[in-house]
Amino acid sequence: MTGGIRMLFVLHATDGPDGAERRNAHREAHVAYIAAQDAAGRIRFAGPLKDEAGKSNGALIIFEAEDPDAARAWVAGDPYVAGGVYSAWEVRAVVQAFPKLSVG
């Protein structure tokens, strides 16, 4: 991604039936992938979704990208996506309404 104007996107992902096993196998690479984007100031929120028993069963990530194609490309490169952790995922543009951002 280049240094242009960035938009906000949300990734909502749901684990597949063998997501827990795949998650364990790809966790280190996934965390490094997200951490690199966090260090670049592109992650607004990232965390696992939990089921009622407290087990991870998906993810929600709010991040910055230049455009929808760049957002989808970034998500496709995530080791959890490439490693088949998620059975379904979608990326959507989002506009921050709250909390209000201070200007100036």
C-alpha atoms as a PDB file:
ATOM      1  CA  MET A   1       0.000   0.000   0.000  1.00  0.00           C
ATOM      2  CA  THR A   2       1.194   3.450  -0.795  1.00  0.00           C
ATOM      3  CA  GLY A   3       0.834   6.643   1.227  1.00  0.00           C
ATOM      4  CA  GLY A   4      -2.416   8.005  -0.278  1.00  0.00           C
ATOM      5  CA  ILE A   5      -5.635   8.900   1.499  1.00  0.00           C
ATOM      6  CA  ARG A   6      -6.834   5.956   3.514  1.00  0.00           C
ATOM      7  CA  MET A   7     -10.370   4.699   4.042  1.00  0.00           C
ATOM      8  CA  LEU A   8     -11.634   2.515   6.871  1.00  0.00           C
ATOM      9  CA  PHE A   9     -12.617  -1.088   6.275  1.00  0.00           C
ATOM     10  CA  VAL A  10     -13.952  -3.835   8.481  1.00  0.00           C
ATOM     11  CA  LEU A  11     -13.123  -7.510   8.175  1.00  0.00           C
ATOM     12  CA  HIS A  12     -15.692  -9.877   9.660  1.00  0.00           C
ATOM     13  CA  ALA A  13     -14.560 -13.491   9.544  1.00  0.00           C
ATOM     14  CA  THR A  14     -16.045 -16.766  10.800  1.00  0.00           C
ATOM     15  CA  ASP A  15     -13.975 -19.860  11.536  1.00  0.00           C
ATOM     16  CA  GLY A  16     -14.524 -23.064   9.628  1.00  0.00           C
ATOM     17  CA  PRO A  17     -15.206 -26.406  11.345  1.00  0.00           C
ATOM     18  CA  ASP A  18     -11.477 -27.050  11.835  1.00  0.00           C
ATOM     19  CA  GLY A  19     -10.709 -23.396  12.556  1.00  0.00           C
ATOM     20  CA  ALA A  20      -9.277 -24.039  16.031  1.00  0.00           C
ATOM     21  CA  GLU A  21      -6.631 -26.430  14.722  1.00  0.00           C
ATOM     22  CA  ARG A  22      -5.785 -24.186  11.783  1.00  0.00           C
ATOM     23  CA  ARG A  23      -5.753 -21.122  14.063  1.00  0.00           C
ATOM     24  CA  ASN A  24      -3.130 -22.765  16.274  1.00  0.00           C
ATOM     25  CA  ALA A  25      -0.996 -23.687  13.253  1.00  0.00           C
ATOM     26  CA  HIS A  26      -1.024 -20.142  11.796  1.00  0.00           C
ATOM     27  CA  ARG A  27      -1.247 -17.968  14.945  1.00  0.00           C
ATOM     28  CA  GLU A  28       2.382 -16.795  15.034  1.00  0.00           C
ATOM     29  CA  ALA A  29       2.393 -15.715  11.383  1.00  0.00           C
ATOM     30  CA  HIS A  30      -1.043 -14.070  11.725  1.00  0.00           C
ATOM     31  CA  VAL A  31      -0.025 -12.064  14.798  1.00  0.00           C
ATOM     32  CA  ALA A  32       3.158 -10.897  13.043  1.00  0.00           C
ATOM     33  CA  TYR A  33       1.104  -9.888   9.977  1.00  0.00           C
ATOM     34  CA  ILE A  34      -1.350  -7.829  12.053  1.00  0.00           C
ATOM     35  CA  ALA A  35       1.431  -6.379  14.234  1.00  0.00           C
ATOM     36  CA  ALA A  36       3.252  -5.037  11.172  1.00  0.00           C
ATOM     37  CA  GLN A  37       0.119  -3.157  10.091  1.00  0.00           C
ATOM     38  CA  ASP A  38      -0.455  -1.944  13.635  1.00  0.00           C
ATOM     39  CA  ALA A  39       3.102  -0.575  13.732  1.00  0.00           C
ATOM     40  CA  ALA A  40       2.341   1.255  10.459  1.00  0.00           C
ATOM     41  CA  GLY A  41      -0.704   2.884  12.103  1.00  0.00           C
ATOM     42  CA  ARG A  42      -3.291   1.060   9.964  1.00  0.00           C
ATOM     43  CA  ILE A  43      -5.095  -1.030  12.599  1.00  0.00           C
ATOM     44  CA  ARG A  44      -7.922   0.676  14.478  1.00  0.00           C
ATOM     45  CA  PHE A  45      -9.192  -2.473  16.223  1.00  0.00           C
ATOM     46  CA  ALA A  46      -8.408  -6.163  15.930  1.00  0.00           C
ATOM     47  CA  GLY A  47      -9.522  -9.101  17.970  1.00  0.00           C
ATOM     48  CA  PRO A  48     -11.013 -12.576  17.961  1.00  0.00           C
ATOM     49  CA  LEU A  49     -14.742 -13.162  18.146  1.00  0.00           C
ATOM     50  CA  LYS A  50     -15.742 -15.558  20.929  1.00  0.00           C
ATOM     51  CA  ASP A  51     -18.531 -18.085  21.204  1.00  0.00           C
ATOM     52  CA  GLU A  52     -20.618 -18.482  24.359  1.00  0.00           C
ATOM     53  CA  ALA A  53     -18.022 -20.884  25.799  1.00  0.00           C
ATOM     54  CA  GLY A  54     -15.298 -18.260  25.324  1.00  0.00           C
ATOM     55  CA  LYS A  55     -13.555 -19.995  22.427  1.00  0.00           C
ATOM     56  CA  SER A  56     -12.336 -18.016  19.414  1.00  0.00           C
ATOM     57  CA  ASN A  57     -14.563 -18.586  16.405  1.00  0.00           C
ATOM     58  CA  GLY A  58     -13.797 -15.680  14.094  1.00  0.00           C
ATOM     59  CA  ALA A  59     -12.351 -12.187  13.958  1.00  0.00           C
ATOM     60  CA  LEU A  60     -13.233  -8.540  13.652  1.00  0.00           C
ATOM     61  CA  ILE A  61     -10.590  -6.138  12.338  1.00  0.00           C
ATOM     62  CA  ILE A  62     -11.076  -2.464  11.541  1.00  0.00           C
ATOM     63  CA  PHE A  63      -8.202  -1.192   9.432  1.00  0.00           C
ATOM     64  CA  GLU A  64      -7.124   1.476   6.982  1.00  0.00           C
ATOM     65  CA  ALA A  65      -6.435   0.932   3.293  1.00  0.00           C
ATOM     66  CA  GLU A  66      -6.279   3.123   0.198  1.00  0.00           C
ATOM     67  CA  ASP A  67      -9.236   1.513  -1.576  1.00  0.00           C
ATOM     68  CA  PRO A  68     -11.408  -1.631  -1.602  1.00  0.00           C
ATOM     69  CA  ASP A  69      -8.990  -3.566  -3.815  1.00  0.00           C
ATOM     70  CA  ALA A  70      -6.078  -2.823  -1.471  1.00  0.00           C
ATOM     71  CA  ALA A  71      -8.221  -3.819   1.515  1.00  0.00           C
ATOM     72  CA  ARG A  72      -9.208  -7.153  -0.040  1.00  0.00           C
ATOM     73  CA  ALA A  73      -5.599  -7.835  -1.086  1.00  0.00           C
ATOM     74  CA  TRP A  74      -4.371  -7.172   2.440  1.00  0.00           C
ATOM     75  CA  VAL A  75      -6.980  -9.505   3.928  1.00  0.00           C
ATOM     76  CA  ALA A  76      -6.203 -12.216   1.357  1.00  0.00           C
ATOM     77  CA  GLY A  77      -2.556 -12.095   2.496  1.00  0.00           C
ATOM     78  CA  ASP A  78      -3.428 -12.717   6.151  1.00  0.00           C
ATOM     79  CA  PRO A  79      -2.065 -16.144   7.163  1.00  0.00           C
ATOM     80  CA  TYR A  80      -5.420 -17.021   8.749  1.00  0.00           C
ATOM     81  CA  VAL A  81      -7.161 -16.422   5.419  1.00  0.00           C
ATOM     82  CA  ALA A  82      -4.444 -18.120   3.361  1.00  0.00           C
ATOM     83  CA  GLY A  83      -4.315 -20.989   5.882  1.00  0.00           C
ATOM     84  CA  GLY A  84      -8.049 -21.680   5.713  1.00  0.00           C
ATOM     85  CA  VAL A  85      -8.895 -20.731   9.309  1.00  0.00           C
ATOM     86  CA  TYR A  86     -12.006 -18.883   8.159  1.00  0.00           C
ATOM     87  CA  SER A  87     -14.858 -20.557   6.313  1.00  0.00           C
ATOM     88  CA  ALA A  88     -16.321 -17.162   5.436  1.00  0.00           C
ATOM     89  CA  TRP A  89     -15.072 -13.595   5.467  1.00  0.00           C
ATOM     90  CA  GLU A  90     -16.103 -10.261   4.077  1.00  0.00           C
ATOM     91  CA  VAL A  91     -14.510  -6.838   3.806  1.00  0.00           C
ATOM     92  CA  ARG A  92     -16.689  -3.738   3.812  1.00  0.00           C
ATOM     93  CA  ALA A  93     -15.958  -0.022   3.821  1.00  0.00           C
ATOM     94  CA  VAL A  94     -17.039   1.718   7.012  1.00  0.00           C
ATOM     95  CA  VAL A  95     -17.317   5.359   8.061  1.00  0.00           C
ATOM     96  CA  GLN A  96     -16.451   6.355  11.616  1.00  0.00           C
ATOM     97  CA  ALA A  97     -19.332   8.357  13.110  1.00  0.00           C
ATOM     98  CA  PHE A  98     -18.429   7.917  16.801  1.00  0.00           C
ATOM     99  CA  PRO A  99     -16.448   8.641  18.753  1.00  0.00           C
ATOM    100  CA  LYS A 100     -16.202  12.046  17.146  1.00  0.00           C
ATOM    101  CA  LEU A 101     -12.735  12.837  15.859  1.00  0.00           C
ATOM    102  CA  SER A 102     -11.265  16.148  16.957  1.00  0.00           C
ATOM    103  CA  VAL A 103     -10.140  18.393  14.140  1.00  0.00           C
ATOM    104  CA  GLY A 104      -7.149  20.660  14.473  1.00  0.00           C
END
